[in-house]
Amino acid sequence: MQKITTFLWYDTQAEEAAQFYTSLFEDSRIVEVQRNGEGGPGAPGSVLVVEFELAGQRYLALNGGPMYSFTEAISLSVDCGSQEEVDNLWERLTADGGEAGPCGWLKDRFGLSWQIVPRRLPELLADPDQQAAQRVMAAMLGMKKLVIKELEAAAAG
């Protein structure tokens, strides 16, 4: 087991969210679903905690009730190897009530923030030509979903 695990608080959608997230990434699965017993905080038999893996990384999702919700102060950042991967994840995560944000950020239908980042972006931002890197930064700041061709065009000037 990994030493540090991200723990996500949902109202009542922990299992639905985990099922959705595991459908998005290879090497992902539901590991365990813990249900409330007679003395639990929820109705007996209802889901309390879902342990799941995304691309081999463990997460826990809790049905903790409505008193807390996600903010952009925490997000899951996804390294995408291609524009196709960016487009696919963007479409699926913003569907059914998700919303696009600036600079490759979005919120899924559960309110969790994600950064969908093409692997090419940090390479372009690390360009030794500082003017090229600044043009890439300016282009990124004007985008919602990140588009590799547009970032590369900005770098080229």
C-alpha atoms as a PDB file:
ATOM      1  CA  MET A   1       0.000   0.000   0.000  1.00  0.00           C
ATOM      2  CA  GLN A   2       1.227   3.505  -0.786  1.00  0.00           C
ATOM      3  CA  LYS A   3       2.170   5.688   2.174  1.00  0.00           C
ATOM      4  CA  ILE A   4       0.025   8.719   1.244  1.00  0.00           C
ATOM      5  CA  THR A   5      -3.417   8.354  -0.327  1.00  0.00           C
ATOM      6  CA  THR A   6      -5.686  11.111  -1.614  1.00  0.00           C
ATOM      7  CA  PHE A   7      -9.001  11.049   0.272  1.00  0.00           C
ATOM      8  CA  LEU A   8     -11.998  12.617  -1.473  1.00  0.00           C
ATOM      9  CA  TRP A   9     -15.201  13.688   0.320  1.00  0.00           C
ATOM     10  CA  TYR A  10     -18.529  13.333  -1.489  1.00  0.00           C
ATOM     11  CA  ASP A  11     -22.078  13.857  -0.302  1.00  0.00           C
ATOM     12  CA  THR A  12     -23.523  10.523  -1.503  1.00  0.00           C
ATOM     13  CA  GLN A  13     -21.817   9.900  -4.866  1.00  0.00           C
ATOM     14  CA  ALA A  14     -18.533   8.224  -3.847  1.00  0.00           C
ATOM     15  CA  GLU A  15     -19.247   4.938  -5.623  1.00  0.00           C
ATOM     16  CA  GLU A  16     -20.653   6.628  -8.745  1.00  0.00           C
ATOM     17  CA  ALA A  17     -17.610   8.912  -8.928  1.00  0.00           C
ATOM     18  CA  ALA A  18     -15.159   6.029  -8.460  1.00  0.00           C
ATOM     19  CA  GLN A  19     -16.899   4.003 -11.167  1.00  0.00           C
ATOM     20  CA  PHE A  20     -16.759   6.972 -13.537  1.00  0.00           C
ATOM     21  CA  TYR A  21     -13.094   7.764 -12.823  1.00  0.00           C
ATOM     22  CA  THR A  22     -11.989   4.144 -13.213  1.00  0.00           C
ATOM     23  CA  SER A  23     -13.685   4.056 -16.633  1.00  0.00           C
ATOM     24  CA  LEU A  24     -11.416   6.889 -17.824  1.00  0.00           C
ATOM     25  CA  PHE A  25      -7.939   5.458 -17.258  1.00  0.00           C
ATOM     26  CA  GLU A  26      -6.128   2.217 -18.008  1.00  0.00           C
ATOM     27  CA  ASP A  27      -4.805   0.278 -15.015  1.00  0.00           C
ATOM     28  CA  SER A  28      -7.761   1.481 -12.924  1.00  0.00           C
ATOM     29  CA  ARG A  29     -10.195  -0.450 -10.751  1.00  0.00           C
ATOM     30  CA  ILE A  30     -12.464  -0.433  -7.734  1.00  0.00           C
ATOM     31  CA  VAL A  31     -10.470  -2.149  -4.975  1.00  0.00           C
ATOM     32  CA  GLU A  32     -13.035  -2.291  -2.186  1.00  0.00           C
ATOM     33  CA  VAL A  33     -16.413  -0.873  -1.206  1.00  0.00           C
ATOM     34  CA  GLN A  34     -17.086  -0.496   2.529  1.00  0.00           C
ATOM     35  CA  ARG A  35     -20.714  -0.274   3.558  1.00  0.00           C
ATOM     36  CA  ASN A  36     -22.357   1.169   6.641  1.00  0.00           C
ATOM     37  CA  GLY A  37     -23.408  -1.269   9.317  1.00  0.00           C
ATOM     38  CA  GLU A  38     -26.182  -0.867  11.869  1.00  0.00           C
ATOM     39  CA  GLY A  39     -24.147   1.660  13.869  1.00  0.00           C
ATOM     40  CA  GLY A  40     -22.764   3.541  10.860  1.00  0.00           C
ATOM     41  CA  PRO A  41     -23.326   7.161  10.013  1.00  0.00           C
ATOM     42  CA  GLY A  42     -25.418   6.207   6.966  1.00  0.00           C
ATOM     43  CA  ALA A  43     -28.247   3.791   6.311  1.00  0.00           C
ATOM     44  CA  PRO A  44     -27.237   0.146   6.824  1.00  0.00           C
ATOM     45  CA  GLY A  45     -25.883  -1.267   3.571  1.00  0.00           C
ATOM     46  CA  SER A  46     -25.249   2.134   1.988  1.00  0.00           C
ATOM     47  CA  VAL A  47     -21.757   2.939   0.717  1.00  0.00           C
ATOM     48  CA  LEU A  48     -19.433   4.579   3.224  1.00  0.00           C
ATOM     49  CA  VAL A  49     -15.967   4.400   1.576  1.00  0.00           C
ATOM     50  CA  VAL A  50     -14.765   3.315  -1.852  1.00  0.00           C
ATOM     51  CA  GLU A  51     -11.116   2.453  -2.369  1.00  0.00           C
ATOM     52  CA  PHE A  52     -10.085   2.696  -6.008  1.00  0.00           C
ATOM     53  CA  GLU A  53      -7.054   3.003  -8.271  1.00  0.00           C
ATOM     54  CA  LEU A  54      -6.524   5.386 -11.182  1.00  0.00           C
ATOM     55  CA  ALA A  55      -3.565   4.466 -13.387  1.00  0.00           C
ATOM     56  CA  GLY A  56      -2.185   2.469 -10.464  1.00  0.00           C
ATOM     57  CA  GLN A  57      -2.561   5.334  -7.917  1.00  0.00           C
ATOM     58  CA  ARG A  58      -4.800   4.637  -4.889  1.00  0.00           C
ATOM     59  CA  TYR A  59      -7.626   6.945  -3.804  1.00  0.00           C
ATOM     60  CA  LEU A  60     -10.326   6.789  -1.176  1.00  0.00           C
ATOM     61  CA  ALA A  61     -13.801   8.285  -1.644  1.00  0.00           C
ATOM     62  CA  LEU A  62     -16.062   8.886   1.347  1.00  0.00           C
ATOM     63  CA  ASN A  63     -19.797   9.499   1.407  1.00  0.00           C
ATOM     64  CA  GLY A  64     -19.470  12.042   4.194  1.00  0.00           C
ATOM     65  CA  GLY A  65     -22.550  14.165   3.634  1.00  0.00           C
ATOM     66  CA  PRO A  66     -23.217  17.627   2.257  1.00  0.00           C
ATOM     67  CA  MET A  67     -21.231  19.737   4.751  1.00  0.00           C
ATOM     68  CA  TYR A  68     -18.066  19.918   2.581  1.00  0.00           C
ATOM     69  CA  SER A  69     -17.562  20.345  -1.133  1.00  0.00           C
ATOM     70  CA  PHE A  70     -14.600  20.527  -3.470  1.00  0.00           C
ATOM     71  CA  THR A  71     -12.857  23.757  -4.408  1.00  0.00           C
ATOM     72  CA  GLU A  72     -10.141  24.544  -6.930  1.00  0.00           C
ATOM     73  CA  ALA A  73      -7.690  24.567  -4.003  1.00  0.00           C
ATOM     74  CA  ILE A  74      -7.093  20.906  -4.837  1.00  0.00           C
ATOM     75  CA  SER A  75      -7.090  19.259  -8.238  1.00  0.00           C
ATOM     76  CA  LEU A  76      -5.955  16.091  -9.935  1.00  0.00           C
ATOM     77  CA  SER A  77      -3.400  16.763 -12.668  1.00  0.00           C
ATOM     78  CA  VAL A  78      -3.266  14.335 -15.590  1.00  0.00           C
ATOM     79  CA  ASP A  79      -0.161  14.050 -17.806  1.00  0.00           C
ATOM     80  CA  CYS A  80      -1.489  13.478 -21.335  1.00  0.00           C
ATOM     81  CA  GLY A  81       0.772  12.067 -24.030  1.00  0.00           C
ATOM     82  CA  SER A  82      -1.270  13.347 -26.989  1.00  0.00           C
ATOM     83  CA  GLN A  83      -3.918  15.826 -28.069  1.00  0.00           C
ATOM     84  CA  GLU A  84      -6.258  12.886 -28.558  1.00  0.00           C
ATOM     85  CA  GLU A  85      -5.911  11.994 -24.873  1.00  0.00           C
ATOM     86  CA  VAL A  86      -6.459  15.632 -23.848  1.00  0.00           C
ATOM     87  CA  ASP A  87      -9.574  15.855 -26.058  1.00  0.00           C
ATOM     88  CA  ASN A  88     -11.013  12.546 -24.808  1.00  0.00           C
ATOM     89  CA  LEU A  89     -10.553  13.303 -21.118  1.00  0.00           C
ATOM     90  CA  TRP A  90     -11.771  16.878 -21.538  1.00  0.00           C
ATOM     91  CA  GLU A  91     -14.939  15.740 -23.276  1.00  0.00           C
ATOM     92  CA  ARG A  92     -15.716  12.980 -20.803  1.00  0.00           C
ATOM     93  CA  LEU A  93     -14.912  14.960 -17.650  1.00  0.00           C
ATOM     94  CA  THR A  94     -16.909  18.036 -18.687  1.00  0.00           C
ATOM     95  CA  ALA A  95     -19.918  15.980 -19.842  1.00  0.00           C
ATOM     96  CA  ASP A  96     -23.132  15.690 -17.828  1.00  0.00           C
ATOM     97  CA  GLY A  97     -22.706  18.832 -15.750  1.00  0.00           C
ATOM     98  CA  GLY A  98     -18.934  19.303 -15.682  1.00  0.00           C
ATOM     99  CA  GLU A  99     -17.543  22.688 -16.644  1.00  0.00           C
ATOM    100  CA  ALA A 100     -14.505  24.001 -18.481  1.00  0.00           C
ATOM    101  CA  GLY A 101     -12.163  26.321 -16.629  1.00  0.00           C
ATOM    102  CA  PRO A 102      -9.114  28.313 -17.672  1.00  0.00           C
ATOM    103  CA  CYS A 103      -5.653  27.007 -18.559  1.00  0.00           C
ATOM    104  CA  GLY A 104      -6.529  23.319 -18.897  1.00  0.00           C
ATOM    105  CA  TRP A 105      -8.523  23.150 -15.666  1.00  0.00           C
ATOM    106  CA  LEU A 106     -12.050  21.793 -15.426  1.00  0.00           C
ATOM    107  CA  LYS A 107     -14.559  20.592 -12.874  1.00  0.00           C
ATOM    108  CA  ASP A 108     -16.238  17.238 -13.348  1.00  0.00           C
ATOM    109  CA  ARG A 109     -19.917  16.661 -12.620  1.00  0.00           C
ATOM    110  CA  PHE A 110     -19.069  15.883  -8.983  1.00  0.00           C
ATOM    111  CA  GLY A 111     -17.294  19.230  -8.532  1.00  0.00           C
ATOM    112  CA  LEU A 112     -13.753  17.806  -8.432  1.00  0.00           C
ATOM    113  CA  SER A 113     -11.164  19.942 -10.252  1.00  0.00           C
ATOM    114  CA  TRP A 114      -8.814  18.407 -12.796  1.00  0.00           C
ATOM    115  CA  GLN A 115      -5.874  19.738 -14.781  1.00  0.00           C
ATOM    116  CA  ILE A 116      -5.690  18.073 -18.198  1.00  0.00           C
ATOM    117  CA  VAL A 117      -2.130  18.830 -19.275  1.00  0.00           C
ATOM    118  CA  PRO A 118      -0.452  17.770 -22.510  1.00  0.00           C
ATOM    119  CA  ARG A 119       3.062  16.495 -21.808  1.00  0.00           C
ATOM    120  CA  ARG A 120       4.303  18.980 -24.407  1.00  0.00           C
ATOM    121  CA  LEU A 121       3.317  22.017 -22.272  1.00  0.00           C
ATOM    122  CA  PRO A 122       6.043  21.771 -19.600  1.00  0.00           C
ATOM    123  CA  GLU A 123       8.598  21.103 -22.357  1.00  0.00           C
ATOM    124  CA  LEU A 124       7.557  24.307 -24.130  1.00  0.00           C
ATOM    125  CA  LEU A 125       7.507  26.303 -20.900  1.00  0.00           C
ATOM    126  CA  ALA A 126      11.046  25.104 -20.134  1.00  0.00           C
ATOM    127  CA  ASP A 127      12.386  26.371 -23.478  1.00  0.00           C
ATOM    128  CA  PRO A 128      15.745  28.110 -22.931  1.00  0.00           C
ATOM    129  CA  ASP A 129      14.421  30.848 -25.232  1.00  0.00           C
ATOM    130  CA  GLN A 130      12.580  32.842 -22.582  1.00  0.00           C
ATOM    131  CA  GLN A 131      10.584  34.807 -25.155  1.00  0.00           C
ATOM    132  CA  ALA A 132       9.269  31.567 -26.660  1.00  0.00           C
ATOM    133  CA  ALA A 133       8.374  30.267 -23.193  1.00  0.00           C
ATOM    134  CA  GLN A 134       6.588  33.533 -22.380  1.00  0.00           C
ATOM    135  CA  ARG A 135       4.569  33.312 -25.606  1.00  0.00           C
ATOM    136  CA  VAL A 136       3.544  29.770 -24.648  1.00  0.00           C
ATOM    137  CA  MET A 137       2.490  30.977 -21.187  1.00  0.00           C
ATOM    138  CA  ALA A 138       0.445  33.801 -22.720  1.00  0.00           C
ATOM    139  CA  ALA A 139      -1.225  31.378 -25.147  1.00  0.00           C
ATOM    140  CA  MET A 140      -2.031  28.937 -22.334  1.00  0.00           C
ATOM    141  CA  LEU A 141      -3.553  31.694 -20.210  1.00  0.00           C
ATOM    142  CA  GLY A 142      -5.997  32.434 -23.036  1.00  0.00           C
ATOM    143  CA  MET A 143      -7.159  28.827 -23.433  1.00  0.00           C
ATOM    144  CA  LYS A 144      -9.634  26.605 -21.701  1.00  0.00           C
ATOM    145  CA  LYS A 145      -8.790  23.143 -23.113  1.00  0.00           C
ATOM    146  CA  LEU A 146      -5.085  23.126 -23.986  1.00  0.00           C
ATOM    147  CA  VAL A 147      -4.302  22.633 -27.672  1.00  0.00           C
ATOM    148  CA  ILE A 148      -0.783  21.419 -28.436  1.00  0.00           C
ATOM    149  CA  LYS A 149      -0.646  22.858 -31.987  1.00  0.00           C
ATOM    150  CA  GLU A 150      -1.576  26.306 -30.703  1.00  0.00           C
ATOM    151  CA  LEU A 151       0.992  26.119 -27.912  1.00  0.00           C
ATOM    152  CA  GLU A 152       3.680  25.055 -30.389  1.00  0.00           C
ATOM    153  CA  ALA A 153       2.663  27.852 -32.768  1.00  0.00           C
ATOM    154  CA  ALA A 154       3.014  30.357 -29.921  1.00  0.00           C
ATOM    155  CA  ALA A 155       6.472  28.999 -29.151  1.00  0.00           C
ATOM    156  CA  ALA A 156       7.506  29.357 -32.793  1.00  0.00           C
ATOM    157  CA  GLY A 157       6.350  32.964 -32.785  1.00  0.00           C
END
